[in-house]
Amino acid sequence: MMEKTGKIILFTSAMYPCKIGGMEIYNYHLVRELAKRKEAKHMTVLSSCPVAIDGITILPEKERVFISRKFGLSTASTILYYWFSNKFRWKDVKVVYVPYTSNFSFSAFPYLILKKLLNVDYVVHMHSGGGRDTNPRWLLNKFFKHARGIAGVSHPIVNEYKEKTGREIKYLPPLLPFEASRKDKQSLRKAKGFDRFKKIILYVGSIKQIKSPETLIKAYLELGENFVSNQGLGLILVGQGRLLAQLENRYGKGKNIVFTGAVPNEEIKDYYRMADIYAITSWFEGTPISLMEAMFNKLPCIGSNVSGIQDIITSGQNGYLFEKENHVELSRVIKEVVINEDDAIQKGEKAYQDYLRRFNYDDHLTDVINFINGIE
């Protein structure tokens, strides 16, 4: 059968700024950057976030064809709606790009039906792993089996799904086109009300259990009031999530721990500019965008010794590792970084060089386009 040469659908669903998360921010920048390339004329984006990006067609998800959005009916609803609309014809679609997370579940059904009835191929970009897939397993097995291609955002995810599916999984990390803030560090701190701090420890990410932000807070408190005061330390946690209100109520009364809540992605670079140390305390990661941005900004990075972080940070070389949830060990590492400032600066510089060596955004976009088009 001759390969189709028609339209490409990017079914990105949630995107920044409607939802702030690693995958959503990645989807937004991917669409925005692909819009600048000639391939965009063949692409249509289906998303629940009605953003307008010049150069590419973005159509809204249509989730209300069915009363319920459970059991994959949200995805099925959108596909069915456009089946009967005049926006495009599914039979002219060459391939659908599908971002995948652990709660994907019954959303696999509609893609299998498209493949069966209209021979519409799909490729899957895995953004989560760690054995956290939702059931049913038999359906996901079929979904992976019939995908034209599968990619993972980290080497652990690649290895995990290579074993689960018996297929080759392409490594496509969630790169972003990072920009360094050009604003003066002290001026930024003054504008944000952080000029009382001599050194800032920064956390960027969701405030939820799997990210373990409380481990960092406990480690900070373990430093003791005298050390914190003498060193002029401040802890800033950037992000939102289900634990935010609880942690803010428990720890946010003092002047040295700050919860910012959600911050627009365009302003995140200013927080990296203000910071002196970056910490990531997750139980598990894919390829964490916030860690890569910290490396890009030459910050000494401290991370939990877990899959997805240990693959990027080599302790004693380009950063520091501690055993997950061990706030006493993390506190000791933070103290070491604060006291040995010259060594920390050197590790931040090494992290930056490693980032430049391992990650290139233009090459990444080409890899994504080739993955979607089935080009090795």
Protein backbone atom coordinates (compact mmCIF):
# COMPACT_ATOMS: atom_id res chain seq x y z
CA MET A 1 0.00 0.00 0.00
CA MET A 2 1.32 3.45 -0.93
CA GLU A 3 2.10 5.64 2.07
CA LYS A 4 -0.16 8.64 2.56
CA THR A 5 1.35 12.07 2.10
CA GLY A 6 -1.46 14.03 3.74
CA LYS A 7 -2.12 15.86 6.95
CA ILE A 8 -0.41 15.40 10.30
CA ILE A 9 -2.48 15.78 13.48
CA LEU A 10 -0.80 16.79 16.72
CA PHE A 11 -3.27 15.68 19.41
CA THR A 12 -1.58 17.65 22.19
CA SER A 13 -4.71 18.06 24.34
CA ALA A 14 -3.64 20.12 27.39
CA MET A 15 -1.11 22.86 26.71
CA TYR A 16 0.38 25.82 28.49
CA PRO A 17 -0.90 28.38 29.46
CA CYS A 18 -4.18 26.58 30.25
CA LYS A 19 -2.30 24.06 32.36
CA ILE A 20 1.18 24.42 33.82
CA GLY A 21 3.13 21.19 33.85
CA GLY A 22 6.21 19.75 32.19
CA MET A 23 4.36 18.02 29.35
CA GLU A 24 1.97 20.94 28.81
CA ILE A 25 4.82 23.46 28.56
CA TYR A 26 6.70 21.11 26.24
CA ASN A 27 3.64 20.73 23.99
CA TYR A 28 3.20 24.49 23.78
CA HIS A 29 6.79 25.17 22.77
CA LEU A 30 6.80 22.23 20.38
CA VAL A 31 3.76 23.59 18.55
CA ARG A 32 5.12 27.16 18.59
CA GLU A 33 8.49 26.13 17.18
CA LEU A 34 7.06 23.71 14.61
CA ALA A 35 4.87 26.58 13.37
CA LYS A 36 8.05 28.31 12.15
CA ARG A 37 8.96 25.38 9.92
CA LYS A 38 7.69 24.51 6.47
CA GLU A 39 6.19 21.27 7.77
CA ALA A 40 3.56 23.34 9.62
CA LYS A 41 1.44 23.69 6.48
CA HIS A 42 0.65 19.98 6.75
CA MET A 43 -0.09 20.08 10.48
CA THR A 44 -3.24 20.65 12.52
CA VAL A 45 -3.21 20.76 16.31
CA LEU A 46 -6.14 19.48 18.38
CA SER A 47 -5.99 20.97 21.87
CA SER A 48 -8.21 21.84 24.80
CA CYS A 49 -6.25 25.10 25.12
CA PRO A 50 -7.48 27.72 22.62
CA VAL A 51 -4.14 29.47 22.06
CA ALA A 52 -3.42 31.26 18.78
CA ILE A 53 -0.03 30.61 17.21
CA ASP A 54 0.77 32.14 13.83
CA GLY A 55 1.67 29.65 11.14
CA ILE A 56 -0.24 26.61 12.40
CA THR A 57 -3.91 25.61 12.62
CA ILE A 58 -5.13 24.91 16.16
CA LEU A 59 -8.60 23.44 16.55
CA PRO A 60 -10.38 22.93 19.88
CA GLU A 61 -11.06 19.56 21.41
CA LYS A 62 -14.76 18.73 21.31
CA GLU A 63 -15.46 16.75 24.46
CA ARG A 64 -19.25 17.09 24.65
CA VAL A 65 -20.43 14.66 21.97
CA PHE A 66 -20.84 12.16 24.81
CA ILE A 67 -22.21 12.99 28.25
CA SER A 68 -19.27 11.35 30.02
CA ARG A 69 -15.56 11.98 29.47
CA LYS A 70 -14.55 8.72 31.16
CA PHE A 71 -13.27 5.56 29.45
CA GLY A 72 -11.61 7.45 26.61
CA LEU A 73 -14.84 9.12 25.54
CA SER A 74 -13.21 12.57 25.65
CA THR A 75 -10.75 11.60 22.91
CA ALA A 76 -13.40 9.64 21.05
CA SER A 77 -15.70 12.65 21.18
CA THR A 78 -13.14 14.91 19.51
CA ILE A 79 -12.34 12.35 16.81
CA LEU A 80 -16.03 11.74 16.10
CA TYR A 81 -16.82 15.46 15.95
CA TYR A 82 -14.14 16.12 13.33
CA TRP A 83 -15.19 12.99 11.47
CA PHE A 84 -18.37 14.83 10.50
CA SER A 85 -16.99 18.39 10.35
CA ASN A 86 -15.55 20.08 7.28
CA LYS A 87 -12.32 21.12 9.01
CA PHE A 88 -10.41 18.12 7.65
CA ARG A 89 -11.03 14.53 6.63
CA TRP A 90 -9.60 11.76 8.79
CA LYS A 91 -9.03 9.61 5.72
CA ASP A 92 -6.58 12.27 4.49
CA VAL A 93 -4.59 12.16 7.73
CA LYS A 94 -1.18 10.55 7.46
CA VAL A 95 -0.32 10.26 11.13
CA VAL A 96 -1.41 11.42 14.60
CA TYR A 97 1.16 12.48 17.19
CA VAL A 98 -0.01 11.35 20.65
CA PRO A 99 1.62 12.53 23.92
CA TYR A 100 1.22 9.77 26.51
CA THR A 101 1.00 9.94 30.31
CA SER A 102 0.32 7.26 32.89
CA ASN A 103 -3.43 8.05 33.09
CA PHE A 104 -3.97 7.44 29.36
CA SER A 105 -6.00 4.26 29.86
CA PHE A 106 -9.09 3.88 27.62
CA SER A 107 -8.04 6.81 25.43
CA ALA A 108 -6.16 4.17 23.42
CA PHE A 109 -9.44 2.91 21.89
CA PRO A 110 -10.11 5.75 19.42
CA TYR A 111 -6.62 5.53 17.89
CA LEU A 112 -6.98 1.79 17.39
CA ILE A 113 -10.32 2.38 15.68
CA LEU A 114 -8.83 5.05 13.39
CA LYS A 115 -6.06 2.66 12.48
CA LYS A 116 -8.48 -0.20 11.81
CA LEU A 117 -11.11 1.70 9.83
CA LEU A 118 -9.10 4.35 7.97
CA ASN A 119 -5.50 3.15 8.25
CA VAL A 120 -4.53 6.33 10.14
CA ASP A 121 -1.14 5.76 11.74
CA TYR A 122 -0.21 7.15 15.14
CA VAL A 123 3.05 7.71 16.99
CA VAL A 124 3.35 7.85 20.78
CA HIS A 125 5.60 10.14 22.83
CA MET A 126 5.89 8.71 26.36
CA HIS A 127 6.08 11.37 29.10
CA SER A 128 5.76 9.10 32.13
CA GLY A 129 6.86 5.70 33.36
CA GLY A 130 7.85 4.03 36.57
CA GLY A 131 5.15 1.35 36.38
CA ARG A 132 2.37 3.89 36.90
CA ASP A 133 0.23 2.99 33.87
CA THR A 134 -3.47 2.80 34.51
CA ASN A 135 -5.32 -0.36 33.51
CA PRO A 136 -6.38 -2.10 31.36
CA ARG A 137 -3.02 -3.58 30.37
CA TRP A 138 -4.41 -5.60 27.45
CA LEU A 139 -5.64 -2.41 25.78
CA LEU A 140 -2.36 -0.59 26.24
CA ASN A 141 -0.52 -3.61 24.84
CA LYS A 142 -2.61 -3.38 21.67
CA PHE A 143 -2.09 0.39 21.56
CA PHE A 144 1.68 0.05 21.72
CA LYS A 145 1.73 -2.90 19.33
CA HIS A 146 -0.03 -0.99 16.54
CA ALA A 147 1.76 2.35 17.00
CA ARG A 148 3.96 3.21 14.05
CA GLY A 149 6.59 4.55 16.42
CA ILE A 150 7.16 5.02 20.15
CA ALA A 151 9.47 7.51 21.85
CA GLY A 152 10.30 8.18 25.50
CA VAL A 153 11.44 11.36 27.23
CA SER A 154 14.13 9.64 29.31
CA HIS A 155 16.44 6.65 29.10
CA PRO A 156 14.67 4.90 32.04
CA ILE A 157 11.32 5.28 30.24
CA VAL A 158 12.89 4.05 27.00
CA ASN A 159 14.28 0.96 28.74
CA GLU A 160 11.04 0.33 30.67
CA TYR A 161 8.81 0.35 27.61
CA LYS A 162 11.31 -1.51 25.47
CA GLU A 163 10.96 -4.34 27.97
CA LYS A 164 7.16 -3.97 28.23
CA THR A 165 6.45 -3.79 24.50
CA GLY A 166 9.35 -5.69 22.95
CA ARG A 167 9.81 -2.78 20.55
CA GLU A 168 12.54 -0.25 19.91
CA ILE A 169 11.79 3.01 21.71
CA LYS A 170 13.33 6.26 20.48
CA TYR A 171 14.84 8.68 22.99
CA LEU A 172 13.25 12.12 22.61
CA PRO A 173 13.85 14.25 25.74
CA PRO A 174 11.40 17.10 26.48
CA LEU A 175 13.67 19.94 25.42
CA LEU A 176 12.63 23.59 25.48
CA PRO A 177 14.17 26.64 23.80
CA PHE A 178 15.55 28.06 27.05
CA GLU A 179 16.45 31.73 27.34
CA ALA A 180 18.62 33.26 30.05
CA SER A 181 17.22 36.33 31.80
CA ARG A 182 19.11 39.49 30.94
CA LYS A 183 17.89 41.34 34.00
CA ASP A 184 20.17 42.28 36.88
CA LYS A 185 20.08 39.72 39.69
CA GLN A 186 19.81 42.18 42.57
CA SER A 187 17.26 44.33 40.76
CA LEU A 188 15.10 41.26 40.23
CA ARG A 189 15.34 40.29 43.88
CA LYS A 190 14.36 43.78 44.95
CA ALA A 191 11.41 43.85 42.56
CA LYS A 192 10.17 40.48 43.88
CA GLY A 193 10.79 41.36 47.52
CA PHE A 194 13.64 38.86 47.88
CA ASP A 195 16.46 41.35 48.41
CA ARG A 196 16.61 40.29 52.08
CA PHE A 197 18.28 37.05 50.95
CA LYS A 198 22.01 36.73 50.27
CA LYS A 199 21.54 33.27 48.71
CA ILE A 200 18.42 31.66 47.31
CA ILE A 201 17.67 27.94 47.10
CA LEU A 202 15.17 27.37 44.28
CA TYR A 203 12.60 24.64 43.69
CA VAL A 204 10.59 24.67 40.44
CA GLY A 205 7.88 22.07 39.89
CA SER A 206 4.50 20.75 40.88
CA ILE A 207 3.72 20.87 44.59
CA LYS A 208 2.60 17.27 44.84
CA GLN A 209 3.65 14.12 46.65
CA ILE A 210 5.70 12.47 43.91
CA LYS A 211 7.87 15.60 43.68
CA SER A 212 8.46 15.46 47.47
CA PRO A 213 8.81 19.22 48.06
CA GLU A 214 8.40 18.68 51.82
CA THR A 215 11.73 16.84 51.84
CA LEU A 216 13.41 20.06 50.71
CA ILE A 217 11.52 22.15 53.26
CA LYS A 218 12.51 19.80 56.10
CA ALA A 219 16.13 19.85 54.91
CA TYR A 220 16.09 23.64 54.91
CA LEU A 221 14.72 23.73 58.46
CA GLU A 222 17.32 21.14 59.48
CA LEU A 223 20.02 23.71 58.66
CA GLY A 224 19.00 25.58 61.82
CA GLU A 225 18.04 29.19 62.36
CA ASN A 226 21.61 30.33 63.10
CA PHE A 227 23.05 28.93 59.86
CA VAL A 228 20.14 30.24 57.79
CA SER A 229 20.45 33.68 59.37
CA ASN A 230 24.24 33.90 59.15
CA GLN A 231 24.25 32.83 55.51
CA GLY A 232 21.20 34.91 54.59
CA LEU A 233 19.45 31.91 53.03
CA GLY A 234 16.00 31.91 51.51
CA LEU A 235 13.98 29.00 50.08
CA ILE A 236 11.66 29.74 47.18
CA LEU A 237 9.24 27.11 45.87
CA VAL A 238 7.76 27.91 42.45
CA GLY A 239 4.74 25.90 41.34
CA GLN A 240 1.24 24.81 42.16
CA GLY A 241 -0.36 21.50 43.08
CA ARG A 242 -2.60 19.66 45.50
CA LEU A 243 -0.13 20.00 48.41
CA LEU A 244 0.40 23.75 48.02
CA ALA A 245 -2.23 24.95 50.51
CA GLN A 246 -1.24 22.33 53.08
CA LEU A 247 2.49 23.09 52.92
CA GLU A 248 1.98 26.83 52.77
CA ASN A 249 -0.21 26.69 55.87
CA ARG A 250 2.34 24.53 57.69
CA TYR A 251 5.60 26.20 56.66
CA GLY A 252 4.80 29.48 54.96
CA LYS A 253 4.41 31.65 58.06
CA GLY A 254 8.12 32.49 58.38
CA LYS A 255 9.90 35.07 56.29
CA ASN A 256 12.50 32.70 54.80
CA ILE A 257 10.28 30.12 53.01
CA VAL A 258 8.31 31.51 50.08
CA PHE A 259 5.62 29.75 48.04
CA THR A 260 5.00 31.67 44.80
CA GLY A 261 2.24 29.48 43.39
CA ALA A 262 1.98 29.29 39.60
CA VAL A 263 4.38 31.53 37.67
CA PRO A 264 3.99 32.22 33.92
CA ASN A 265 6.53 30.27 31.93
CA GLU A 266 7.82 33.50 30.43
CA GLU A 267 8.90 34.67 33.90
CA ILE A 268 10.54 31.44 35.09
CA LYS A 269 13.92 32.46 33.69
CA ASP A 270 13.95 35.41 36.14
CA TYR A 271 13.69 33.00 39.09
CA TYR A 272 16.67 31.01 37.84
CA ARG A 273 18.52 34.29 37.47
CA MET A 274 17.78 35.22 41.10
CA ALA A 275 18.74 31.80 42.47
CA ASP A 276 22.09 30.50 43.73
CA ILE A 277 21.24 26.83 44.24
CA TYR A 278 18.67 24.57 42.59
CA ALA A 279 17.14 21.48 44.20
CA ILE A 280 14.93 18.71 42.79
CA THR A 281 13.59 16.15 45.27
CA SER A 282 11.33 13.86 43.21
CA TRP A 283 10.73 10.16 43.76
CA PHE A 284 10.97 9.60 40.00
CA GLU A 285 11.49 11.72 36.91
CA GLY A 286 11.50 11.38 33.15
CA THR A 287 13.91 14.01 31.92
CA PRO A 288 13.06 16.95 34.20
CA ILE A 289 12.72 20.22 32.30
CA SER A 290 13.35 22.30 35.42
CA LEU A 291 16.67 20.53 36.04
CA MET A 292 17.81 21.13 32.47
CA GLU A 293 16.88 24.81 32.76
CA ALA A 294 18.85 25.05 36.01
CA MET A 295 21.88 23.55 34.24
CA PHE A 296 21.38 25.99 31.36
CA ASN A 297 21.52 28.79 33.94
CA LYS A 298 24.78 27.44 35.47
CA LEU A 299 23.25 26.74 38.88
CA PRO A 300 24.79 24.15 41.20
CA CYS A 301 22.15 21.41 41.15
CA ILE A 302 21.15 19.05 43.96
CA GLY A 303 18.92 16.11 43.10
CA SER A 304 17.50 12.94 44.59
CA ASN A 305 19.39 9.83 43.53
CA VAL A 306 16.56 8.38 41.45
CA SER A 307 15.84 7.38 37.89
CA GLY A 308 15.67 10.37 35.55
CA ILE A 309 17.85 12.56 37.78
CA GLN A 310 20.87 10.32 38.32
CA ASP A 311 21.04 9.99 34.52
CA ILE A 312 21.73 13.73 34.28
CA ILE A 313 23.55 14.60 37.52
CA THR A 314 26.82 12.84 38.27
CA SER A 315 27.48 13.52 41.93
CA GLY A 316 30.75 15.30 42.56
CA GLN A 317 31.15 16.27 38.90
CA ASN A 318 28.27 18.36 37.58
CA GLY A 319 26.13 18.43 40.73
CA TYR A 320 25.16 16.65 43.93
CA LEU A 321 22.91 13.68 44.73
CA PHE A 322 21.19 12.57 47.95
CA GLU A 323 19.03 9.57 48.78
CA LYS A 324 15.37 10.34 48.14
CA GLU A 325 13.28 11.54 51.10
CA ASN A 326 16.39 11.71 53.30
CA HIS A 327 16.07 15.31 54.43
CA VAL A 328 18.99 15.02 56.86
CA GLU A 329 21.37 14.03 54.05
CA LEU A 330 19.92 16.73 51.80
CA SER A 331 20.47 19.31 54.53
CA ARG A 332 24.12 18.23 54.80
CA VAL A 333 24.55 18.58 51.02
CA ILE A 334 22.94 22.04 51.01
CA LYS A 335 25.29 23.14 53.79
CA GLU A 336 28.26 21.83 51.80
CA VAL A 337 27.17 23.75 48.69
CA VAL A 338 26.62 26.97 50.65
CA ILE A 339 29.96 26.83 52.47
CA ASN A 340 32.08 25.67 49.51
CA GLU A 341 30.94 28.38 47.13
CA ASP A 342 33.84 28.15 44.67
CA ASP A 343 33.36 24.41 44.23
CA ALA A 344 29.62 24.90 43.75
CA ILE A 345 30.23 27.52 41.05
CA GLN A 346 32.57 25.13 39.24
CA LYS A 347 29.94 22.38 39.30
CA GLY A 348 27.36 24.83 37.96
CA GLU A 349 29.68 25.65 35.07
CA LYS A 350 30.26 21.94 34.42
CA ALA A 351 26.48 21.37 34.44
CA TYR A 352 26.13 24.09 31.80
CA GLN A 353 28.81 22.53 29.60
CA ASP A 354 27.15 19.12 29.94
CA TYR A 355 23.82 20.63 28.95
CA LEU A 356 25.33 22.17 25.79
CA ARG A 357 27.05 18.89 24.94
CA ARG A 358 24.00 16.68 25.38
CA PHE A 359 21.04 18.82 24.32
CA ASN A 360 20.37 20.94 21.21
CA TYR A 361 16.87 22.25 20.58
CA ASP A 362 17.10 22.66 16.79
CA ASP A 363 18.36 19.10 16.44
CA HIS A 364 15.55 17.99 18.74
CA LEU A 365 12.88 19.56 16.51
CA THR A 366 14.33 17.78 13.50
CA ASP A 367 14.29 14.52 15.45
CA VAL A 368 10.62 15.05 16.40
CA ILE A 369 9.64 15.77 12.78
CA ASN A 370 11.52 12.69 11.58
CA PHE A 371 9.87 10.60 14.31
CA ILE A 372 6.41 11.79 13.28
CA ASN A 373 7.16 11.13 9.61
CA GLY A 374 8.67 7.70 10.26
CA ILE A 375 12.16 8.68 9.13
CA GLU A 376 15.02 6.94 10.95
